[in-house]
């Protein structure tokens, strides 16, 4: 029976996304070709992956590739700080502080949506 060369199994989106994030941890900028080489994905899949990661804030899209995300500013920075306080409070089982920080985070989120 002749052997046929099979193409490698396609990676799950979560695995591709993790590889992209790992690439950006090593260098500040990646090209679409870099991502395709690391993931084995098609051009269309690579562009969808980068768009998806950009919407989650994991990276910033630029022409021809992606860069590390920029640090948050203003309300976004306040929101990030509030969410960090929530996580730390939950780690300490301090529900009152977690609740207060969540309220602050929700207020910051509402201002961002209006803004």
Protein backbone atom coordinates (compact mmCIF):
# COMPACT_ATOMS: atom_id res chain seq x y z
CA UNK A 1 0.00 0.00 0.00
CA UNK A 2 1.55 3.37 -0.97
CA UNK A 3 2.17 5.82 1.80
CA UNK A 4 0.73 9.25 1.44
CA UNK A 5 2.22 12.23 3.10
CA UNK A 6 -0.39 13.70 5.39
CA UNK A 7 -0.53 17.31 6.37
CA UNK A 8 -0.04 18.08 10.05
CA UNK A 9 -3.10 18.29 12.25
CA UNK A 10 -4.46 21.83 12.44
CA UNK A 11 -3.93 23.49 15.79
CA UNK A 12 -6.84 24.47 17.98
CA UNK A 13 -7.46 28.24 18.15
CA UNK A 14 -6.40 28.37 21.81
CA UNK A 15 -3.09 26.71 20.96
CA UNK A 16 -2.49 29.08 18.03
CA UNK A 17 -3.33 32.07 20.22
CA UNK A 18 -0.92 30.91 22.93
CA UNK A 19 1.86 30.51 20.35
CA UNK A 20 1.22 34.03 19.06
CA UNK A 21 1.38 35.45 22.58
CA UNK A 22 4.59 33.52 23.23
CA UNK A 23 6.11 34.97 20.04
CA UNK A 24 5.28 38.49 21.23
CA UNK A 25 6.84 37.72 24.61
CA UNK A 26 10.12 37.05 22.78
CA UNK A 27 10.03 40.07 20.49
CA UNK A 28 8.12 43.32 20.43
CA UNK A 29 6.81 42.90 16.85
CA UNK A 30 5.77 39.87 14.78
CA UNK A 31 4.90 39.71 11.11
CA UNK A 32 2.05 37.72 9.64
CA UNK A 33 4.69 35.41 8.13
CA UNK A 34 6.21 34.86 11.61
CA UNK A 35 2.81 33.90 12.97
CA UNK A 36 2.04 31.61 10.03
CA UNK A 37 5.38 29.84 10.46
CA UNK A 38 4.78 29.35 14.19
CA UNK A 39 1.20 28.12 13.86
CA UNK A 40 1.01 26.56 10.40
CA UNK A 41 -2.23 28.45 9.83
CA UNK A 42 -3.48 29.92 6.56
CA UNK A 43 -3.32 33.64 5.88
CA UNK A 44 -7.05 34.07 6.54
CA UNK A 45 -6.87 32.12 9.82
CA UNK A 46 -3.82 34.10 10.92
CA UNK A 47 -5.58 37.38 10.24
CA UNK A 48 -8.66 36.20 12.18
CA UNK A 49 -6.46 35.06 15.09
CA UNK A 50 -4.67 38.41 15.24
CA UNK A 51 -7.97 40.30 15.05
CA UNK A 52 -9.42 38.17 17.85
CA UNK A 53 -6.37 38.67 20.08
CA UNK A 54 -6.48 42.41 19.38
CA UNK A 55 -10.10 42.61 20.56
CA UNK A 56 -9.14 40.92 23.83
CA UNK A 57 -6.22 43.33 24.33
CA UNK A 58 -3.58 40.60 24.10
CA UNK A 59 -1.85 42.44 21.24
CA UNK A 60 -2.12 45.50 19.04
CA UNK A 61 -2.60 45.06 15.29
CA UNK A 62 -0.31 46.97 12.98
CA UNK A 63 0.11 46.82 9.22
CA UNK A 64 1.69 43.48 8.37
CA UNK A 65 1.63 42.00 11.85
CA UNK A 66 1.17 42.78 15.52
CA UNK A 67 2.95 44.32 18.51
CA UNK A 68 2.66 43.99 22.24
CA UNK A 69 -0.34 45.86 23.64
CA UNK A 70 0.13 49.41 24.84
CA UNK A 71 -0.32 50.05 28.56
CA UNK A 72 -3.82 51.23 29.45
CA UNK A 73 -4.51 54.94 29.97
CA UNK A 74 -7.01 56.96 31.96
CA UNK A 75 -10.24 55.08 32.70
CA UNK A 76 -8.82 51.89 31.23
CA UNK A 77 -5.91 52.08 33.68
CA UNK A 78 -8.33 52.65 36.56
CA UNK A 79 -10.42 49.68 35.42
CA UNK A 80 -7.33 47.47 35.27
CA UNK A 81 -6.28 48.59 38.76
CA UNK A 82 -9.75 47.89 40.16
CA UNK A 83 -9.80 44.42 38.68
CA UNK A 84 -6.37 43.72 40.14
CA UNK A 85 -7.67 44.80 43.56
CA UNK A 86 -10.65 42.46 43.12
CA UNK A 87 -8.35 39.54 42.38
CA UNK A 88 -6.10 40.27 45.36
CA UNK A 89 -9.10 40.70 47.67
CA UNK A 90 -10.55 37.39 46.51
CA UNK A 91 -7.20 35.71 47.12
CA UNK A 92 -7.44 36.95 50.72
CA UNK A 93 -11.15 35.98 50.94
CA UNK A 94 -11.92 39.64 51.66
CA UNK A 95 -15.35 39.85 50.05
CA UNK A 96 -16.13 43.38 51.22
CA UNK A 97 -13.05 44.83 49.53
CA UNK A 98 -13.69 42.70 46.43
CA UNK A 99 -17.26 43.98 46.22
CA UNK A 100 -16.17 47.62 46.59
CA UNK A 101 -13.49 47.21 43.92
CA UNK A 102 -16.01 45.53 41.60
CA UNK A 103 -18.37 48.49 41.96
CA UNK A 104 -15.51 50.85 41.10
CA UNK A 105 -14.60 48.66 38.11
CA UNK A 106 -18.18 48.68 36.86
CA UNK A 107 -18.34 52.47 37.17
CA UNK A 108 -15.08 52.80 35.23
CA UNK A 109 -16.38 50.38 32.60
CA UNK A 110 -19.57 52.42 32.19
CA UNK A 111 -17.55 55.62 31.75
CA UNK A 112 -15.38 53.91 29.13
CA UNK A 113 -18.45 52.80 27.17
CA UNK A 114 -19.87 56.32 27.19
CA UNK A 115 -16.58 57.89 26.44
